Amino acid sequence: MEGHRSRNQDRPGLADIPVGVNGAVLRTTGFPENFIKTNPQFSTATLQTNPGNTNYHSLQTQVTLRPSAGVNLQASYTWSKLLGRSGAYTNPVDRTGDYTIQVGDRRHDFRTNGSFALPLGPNRRFLRNSSGALARIVEGWETSWILNMGSGASANILAQNMLYASGVPDVVGAFDPKVASVQWKAGDIAGNYFGSAYTKVRDPQCLSIAANLRALCTLSAVADSSGKVVLQNPQPGTRGNLGQNVIELPGLRTIDGSVSKSFKLRETKNLRFRIDASNIFNHPQVADPNLDLNSADLTFGNIATKTGQRQLQAQIRLEF
């Protein structure tokens, strides 16, 4: 019939679309402005905002003992919790999943230092009637110490970034991050944060792509001793259900001390001999474990190095 045009005839052709005009394709064809991009008229968009926030709560106690019976002591304990959002978001339009324990969190922190003058020698509790050479040998002994103990920092188990950043894995089997602890067998060149209970295997997602592309898939997963996958990379477009900063790294344990002896030479002159010891029990501080699912390290939770050793230092001082 004359005057009748098909639907396809009503649509503009390529020749009708202006060249070099942002959004021309959408407007000419009748699509809404946000059909492909929220704001197609802008090449870039920048959001200025507060990128993070934290909440810190703590309970702090302190005990001080003034010199009494040769003992001088100060001790403090802090229980705290640091929560918040910081760093890159896994999904900027839904930041609720990024509110978590922060890396600066130290749940427990105990510190003490003090000194103790041994009650030996003339007019002391023991050997109070000693004199001469014996008195010079047993008197003037003093010990001191510094003890620091604290929880470790929090850390992520890293996985592929499927949304924006800070990717964490999906838990698909029995996995408890709270039971992790440093295990380093005597003679081994490396330690492990999970006691070698887990091994790395190929991520199951690698089997879901085309056969000719599987060799290009480098994703890894974590399996338990029976070979069952417990952690794997999140599916494309998802956040990962493990959460942020679920691992507590090795804590701090150090104790230093000293022993000193004062020899009285004359009324106003003393000779003091002192030995200082740092890291008395020779306890090493281990490096952070490798918690990246897709790293080149084939062992999950591997601890490559440790540092710290006992050190002794002696000195003689003339006091006058």
Protein backbone atom coordinates (compact mmCIF):
# COMPACT_ATOMS: atom_id res chain seq x y z
CA MET A 1 0.00 0.00 0.00
CA GLU A 2 1.11 3.52 -0.75
CA GLY A 3 2.13 5.60 2.24
CA HIS A 4 3.05 2.53 4.27
CA ARG A 5 6.68 2.05 5.33
CA SER A 6 8.14 -0.91 7.17
CA ARG A 7 9.65 -0.57 10.66
CA ASN A 8 13.13 -1.10 9.25
CA GLN A 9 12.58 1.72 6.75
CA ASP A 10 11.82 4.09 9.67
CA ARG A 11 15.19 3.46 11.29
CA PRO A 12 18.06 5.81 10.30
CA GLY A 13 20.98 4.37 8.40
CA LEU A 14 24.67 4.83 9.10
CA ALA A 15 24.74 7.76 6.75
CA ASP A 16 22.23 9.59 8.98
CA ILE A 17 24.49 9.43 12.12
CA PRO A 18 26.73 12.49 12.59
CA VAL A 19 30.46 11.76 12.76
CA GLY A 20 32.56 12.94 15.69
CA VAL A 21 29.64 13.76 17.99
CA ASN A 22 29.66 12.07 21.41
CA GLY A 23 26.45 10.13 21.98
CA ALA A 24 25.27 10.54 18.41
CA VAL A 25 24.67 6.81 17.90
CA LEU A 26 22.42 6.62 20.95
CA ARG A 27 20.45 9.78 20.23
CA THR A 28 19.99 9.14 16.50
CA THR A 29 18.76 5.59 17.10
CA GLY A 30 16.51 6.59 19.99
CA PHE A 31 18.34 4.81 22.81
CA PRO A 32 18.54 6.40 26.28
CA GLU A 33 21.68 8.31 27.28
CA ASN A 34 22.76 5.62 29.75
CA PHE A 35 22.13 2.62 27.49
CA ILE A 36 25.83 1.71 27.19
CA LYS A 37 27.57 4.07 29.59
CA THR A 38 26.08 5.98 32.47
CA ASN A 39 27.34 9.29 31.11
CA PRO A 40 28.44 8.80 27.49
CA GLN A 41 28.97 12.53 27.04
CA PHE A 42 32.01 12.33 29.37
CA SER A 43 35.22 10.51 28.48
CA THR A 44 36.26 10.24 32.17
CA ALA A 45 34.58 10.80 35.52
CA THR A 46 36.27 11.33 38.90
CA LEU A 47 34.60 10.78 42.26
CA GLN A 48 35.98 12.91 45.08
CA THR A 49 35.11 11.38 48.44
CA ASN A 50 36.50 10.18 51.73
CA PRO A 51 38.12 6.87 50.71
CA GLY A 52 37.97 5.23 54.11
CA ASN A 53 37.17 5.37 57.79
CA THR A 54 38.18 3.48 60.92
CA ASN A 55 36.84 2.82 64.41
CA TYR A 56 39.26 2.04 67.23
CA HIS A 57 38.19 0.72 70.64
CA SER A 58 40.51 -0.36 73.42
CA LEU A 59 40.85 -1.29 77.07
CA GLN A 60 44.11 -0.13 78.62
CA THR A 61 45.56 -1.02 82.02
CA GLN A 62 48.85 -0.15 83.67
CA VAL A 63 50.54 -1.22 86.89
CA THR A 64 53.53 0.54 88.44
CA LEU A 65 55.50 -0.68 91.46
CA ARG A 66 57.84 1.88 92.94
CA PRO A 67 61.13 0.56 94.35
CA SER A 68 60.14 -1.83 97.12
CA ALA A 69 62.38 -4.53 98.61
CA GLY A 70 64.70 -4.04 95.66
CA VAL A 71 61.96 -4.47 93.04
CA ASN A 72 60.99 -1.82 90.49
CA LEU A 73 58.25 -2.78 87.98
CA GLN A 74 56.03 -1.27 85.31
CA ALA A 75 53.57 -3.30 83.21
CA SER A 76 50.84 -2.39 80.72
CA TYR A 77 48.21 -4.37 78.81
CA THR A 78 46.01 -3.20 75.94
CA TRP A 79 43.08 -5.02 74.37
CA SER A 80 41.94 -3.31 71.20
CA LYS A 81 40.01 -3.70 67.99
CA LEU A 82 40.46 -1.66 64.81
CA LEU A 83 37.67 -1.83 62.23
CA GLY A 84 37.07 0.19 59.11
CA ARG A 85 37.39 0.57 55.37
CA SER A 86 40.65 1.51 53.67
CA GLY A 87 42.56 0.97 50.48
CA ALA A 88 41.02 -0.13 47.20
CA TYR A 89 37.41 -1.31 47.32
CA THR A 90 36.39 -4.66 45.94
CA ASN A 91 33.23 -2.98 44.65
CA PRO A 92 32.91 0.84 44.89
CA VAL A 93 29.11 0.74 44.61
CA ASP A 94 28.79 -1.77 47.46
CA ARG A 95 31.41 -1.13 50.12
CA THR A 96 29.71 -3.02 52.96
CA GLY A 97 31.89 -6.08 52.39
CA ASP A 98 35.05 -4.00 52.87
CA TYR A 99 34.23 -3.00 56.46
CA THR A 100 36.51 -5.33 58.36
CA ILE A 101 39.49 -5.74 60.68
CA GLN A 102 42.33 -3.46 59.59
CA VAL A 103 46.00 -4.37 59.17
CA GLY A 104 46.88 -2.10 62.09
CA ASP A 105 44.77 -4.18 64.49
CA ARG A 106 46.68 -5.68 67.44
CA ARG A 107 44.18 -7.49 69.63
CA HIS A 108 46.48 -8.05 72.60
CA ASP A 109 49.58 -6.13 73.64
CA PHE A 110 51.48 -6.76 76.89
CA ARG A 111 54.69 -4.96 77.87
CA THR A 112 56.64 -4.94 81.11
CA ASN A 113 60.03 -3.80 82.33
CA GLY A 114 61.68 -3.68 85.72
CA SER A 115 64.69 -4.42 87.84
CA PHE A 116 65.50 -6.47 90.92
CA ALA A 117 68.38 -5.87 93.30
CA LEU A 118 69.33 -9.23 94.79
CA PRO A 119 69.05 -9.18 98.62
CA LEU A 120 72.59 -10.41 99.20
CA GLY A 121 75.41 -8.96 101.25
CA PRO A 122 75.84 -6.81 104.35
CA ASN A 123 72.60 -5.50 105.87
CA ARG A 124 70.55 -7.47 103.31
CA ARG A 125 68.20 -10.38 103.84
CA PHE A 126 70.77 -13.02 102.97
CA LEU A 127 74.39 -13.07 104.13
CA ARG A 128 73.71 -9.93 106.11
CA ASN A 129 76.70 -10.58 108.39
CA SER A 130 79.19 -11.19 105.60
CA SER A 131 82.31 -9.08 105.42
CA GLY A 132 85.61 -8.79 103.62
CA ALA A 133 86.08 -10.55 100.30
CA LEU A 134 82.85 -12.55 100.61
CA ALA A 135 80.80 -9.39 101.08
CA ARG A 136 82.47 -7.74 98.07
CA ILE A 137 81.58 -10.78 95.92
CA VAL A 138 77.91 -11.26 96.90
CA GLU A 139 76.79 -7.62 97.23
CA GLY A 140 75.70 -5.26 94.46
CA TRP A 141 74.06 -7.78 92.10
CA GLU A 142 71.10 -6.48 90.05
CA THR A 143 68.98 -7.89 87.24
CA SER A 144 66.62 -6.13 84.83
CA TRP A 145 64.26 -7.18 82.05
CA ILE A 146 62.10 -5.95 79.16
CA LEU A 147 59.30 -8.26 78.01
CA ASN A 148 57.08 -7.52 74.98
CA MET A 149 54.26 -9.79 73.80
CA GLY A 150 51.58 -8.94 71.28
CA SER A 151 49.21 -10.24 68.64
CA GLY A 152 50.24 -10.16 65.01
CA ALA A 153 48.84 -7.98 62.25
CA SER A 154 45.88 -9.02 60.11
CA ALA A 155 46.38 -10.13 56.51
CA ASN A 156 44.41 -11.19 53.46
CA ILE A 157 44.43 -14.49 51.65
CA LEU A 158 44.81 -13.10 48.16
CA ALA A 159 42.95 -14.26 45.07
CA GLN A 160 42.25 -12.98 41.58
CA ASN A 161 40.65 -9.53 41.42
CA MET A 162 37.25 -10.26 39.90
CA LEU A 163 35.64 -6.86 40.51
CA TYR A 164 38.06 -4.02 41.20
CA ALA A 165 40.76 -4.87 43.75
CA SER A 166 41.70 -6.76 46.91
CA GLY A 167 40.41 -10.08 45.63
CA VAL A 168 39.81 -12.83 48.20
CA PRO A 169 38.89 -16.47 47.53
CA ASP A 170 35.65 -18.37 47.81
CA VAL A 171 35.50 -20.92 50.62
CA VAL A 172 34.16 -24.14 49.09
CA GLY A 173 35.29 -26.63 51.74
CA ALA A 174 36.27 -27.01 55.39
CA PHE A 175 38.72 -24.17 56.06
CA ASP A 176 39.22 -22.35 59.37
CA PRO A 177 41.67 -19.39 59.19
CA LYS A 178 41.69 -19.05 62.98
CA VAL A 179 43.63 -22.26 63.62
CA ALA A 180 46.70 -21.17 61.67
CA SER A 181 50.03 -21.07 63.53
CA VAL A 182 53.72 -21.09 62.71
CA GLN A 183 55.22 -24.55 62.30
CA TRP A 184 58.89 -24.89 61.45
CA LYS A 185 60.41 -28.34 61.87
CA ALA A 186 64.02 -28.62 63.00
CA GLY A 187 66.35 -28.80 60.03
CA ASP A 188 63.81 -27.58 57.45
CA ILE A 189 64.82 -24.65 55.26
CA ALA A 190 61.28 -23.21 55.36
CA GLY A 191 58.28 -23.20 57.64
CA ASN A 192 54.55 -23.18 57.07
CA TYR A 193 51.66 -21.33 58.61
CA PHE A 194 49.24 -24.24 58.23
CA GLY A 195 51.55 -27.13 59.03
CA SER A 196 51.58 -28.17 55.35
CA ALA A 197 47.94 -29.21 55.72
CA TYR A 198 47.08 -27.62 52.35
CA THR A 199 48.52 -27.87 48.86
CA LYS A 200 48.03 -25.85 45.70
CA VAL A 201 46.13 -27.38 42.80
CA ARG A 202 44.75 -26.08 39.56
CA ASP A 203 41.68 -23.92 39.97
CA PRO A 204 38.53 -25.77 38.80
CA GLN A 205 37.63 -22.72 36.69
CA CYS A 206 40.48 -23.61 34.33
CA LEU A 207 38.50 -26.68 33.24
CA SER A 208 35.40 -24.64 32.36
CA ILE A 209 36.97 -22.71 29.49
CA ALA A 210 37.64 -23.85 25.93
CA ALA A 211 40.10 -26.74 25.74
CA ASN A 212 42.49 -24.81 23.47
CA LEU A 213 42.70 -21.99 26.07
CA ARG A 214 43.20 -24.05 29.24
CA ALA A 215 46.97 -23.93 28.98
CA LEU A 216 46.76 -20.15 29.40
CA CYS A 217 44.86 -20.38 32.69
CA THR A 218 47.27 -19.75 35.59
CA LEU A 219 44.74 -19.72 38.43
CA SER A 220 45.42 -21.94 41.44
CA ALA A 221 43.24 -23.25 44.24
CA VAL A 222 43.98 -24.72 47.67
CA ALA A 223 43.15 -28.33 48.53
CA ASP A 224 43.23 -30.21 51.84
CA SER A 225 45.17 -33.40 52.54
CA SER A 226 42.49 -35.49 50.84
CA GLY A 227 42.72 -33.45 47.65
CA LYS A 228 39.39 -31.67 48.12
CA VAL A 229 39.42 -28.01 47.07
CA VAL A 230 38.69 -25.70 50.01
CA LEU A 231 39.67 -22.31 48.56
CA GLN A 232 39.36 -21.18 44.97
CA ASN A 233 39.32 -17.94 43.03
CA PRO A 234 35.94 -16.19 42.97
CA GLN A 235 33.73 -16.51 39.93
CA PRO A 236 33.94 -13.65 37.39
CA GLY A 237 32.15 -10.55 38.61
CA THR A 238 31.86 -11.69 42.23
CA ARG A 239 33.57 -10.52 45.41
CA GLY A 240 34.73 -13.75 47.08
CA ASN A 241 33.09 -14.91 50.32
CA LEU A 242 36.12 -15.37 52.60
CA GLY A 243 36.27 -11.73 53.67
CA GLN A 244 39.14 -9.33 54.23
CA ASN A 245 42.00 -9.64 56.74
CA VAL A 246 40.89 -12.98 58.20
CA ILE A 247 44.42 -14.20 58.97
CA GLU A 248 46.34 -13.14 62.08
CA LEU A 249 50.05 -13.12 61.32
CA PRO A 250 52.69 -14.29 63.83
CA GLY A 251 52.81 -12.11 66.91
CA LEU A 252 55.64 -10.44 68.78
CA ARG A 253 57.47 -12.19 71.63
CA THR A 254 60.73 -10.69 72.83
CA ILE A 255 62.50 -10.68 76.17
CA ASP A 256 65.71 -8.81 76.88
CA GLY A 257 67.58 -8.71 80.14
CA SER A 258 70.74 -7.75 81.92
CA VAL A 259 72.83 -8.70 84.95
CA SER A 260 75.16 -6.24 86.64
CA LYS A 261 77.59 -6.34 89.58
CA SER A 262 78.93 -3.34 91.43
CA PHE A 263 82.30 -3.50 93.21
CA LYS A 264 82.92 -0.85 95.81
CA LEU A 265 86.49 0.42 95.46
CA ARG A 266 86.40 3.40 97.77
CA GLU A 267 83.82 5.56 99.46
CA THR A 268 83.01 7.48 96.27
CA LYS A 269 84.20 5.07 93.61
CA ASN A 270 82.51 1.92 92.20
CA LEU A 271 83.44 -0.44 89.41
CA ARG A 272 80.35 -1.83 87.62
CA PHE A 273 80.40 -4.89 85.38
CA ARG A 274 77.29 -5.51 83.23
CA ILE A 275 76.11 -8.09 80.67
CA ASP A 276 73.15 -7.25 78.40
CA ALA A 277 71.28 -9.97 76.53
CA SER A 278 68.77 -9.32 73.75
CA ASN A 279 66.38 -12.08 72.67
CA ILE A 280 67.41 -14.17 75.68
CA PHE A 281 65.61 -17.34 74.57
CA ASN A 282 66.91 -17.04 70.99
CA HIS A 283 63.35 -16.95 69.64
CA PRO A 284 63.32 -16.12 65.89
CA GLN A 285 60.85 -13.76 64.24
CA VAL A 286 59.46 -15.39 61.10
CA ALA A 287 58.63 -13.61 57.88
CA ASP A 288 55.02 -13.26 56.76
CA PRO A 289 53.65 -16.42 55.12
CA ASN A 290 52.81 -16.52 51.43
CA LEU A 291 49.00 -16.34 51.29
CA ASP A 292 48.55 -15.66 47.57
CA LEU A 293 46.61 -18.38 45.77
CA ASN A 294 48.10 -17.50 42.40
CA SER A 295 51.73 -16.84 43.32
CA ALA A 296 54.59 -18.84 41.86
CA ASP A 297 55.21 -20.43 45.28
CA LEU A 298 53.80 -23.96 45.09
CA THR A 299 53.31 -24.22 48.87
CA PHE A 300 50.35 -22.42 50.42
CA GLY A 301 51.31 -20.65 53.66
CA ASN A 302 55.03 -21.03 53.02
CA ILE A 303 57.35 -19.09 55.37
CA ALA A 304 60.62 -18.54 53.54
CA THR A 305 62.82 -16.83 56.12
CA LYS A 306 63.24 -16.02 59.78
CA THR A 307 65.42 -13.48 61.52
CA GLY A 308 66.64 -12.70 65.01
CA GLN A 309 69.20 -14.30 67.28
CA ARG A 310 70.47 -13.97 70.82
CA GLN A 311 73.03 -11.22 71.29
CA LEU A 312 75.27 -10.58 74.31
CA GLN A 313 77.15 -7.43 75.18
CA ALA A 314 79.45 -6.80 78.15
CA GLN A 315 80.74 -3.55 79.57
CA ILE A 316 82.84 -2.29 82.48
CA ARG A 317 82.27 1.18 83.87
CA LEU A 318 84.04 3.19 86.58
CA GLU A 319 81.62 5.31 88.60
CA PHE A 320 82.87 8.22 90.66
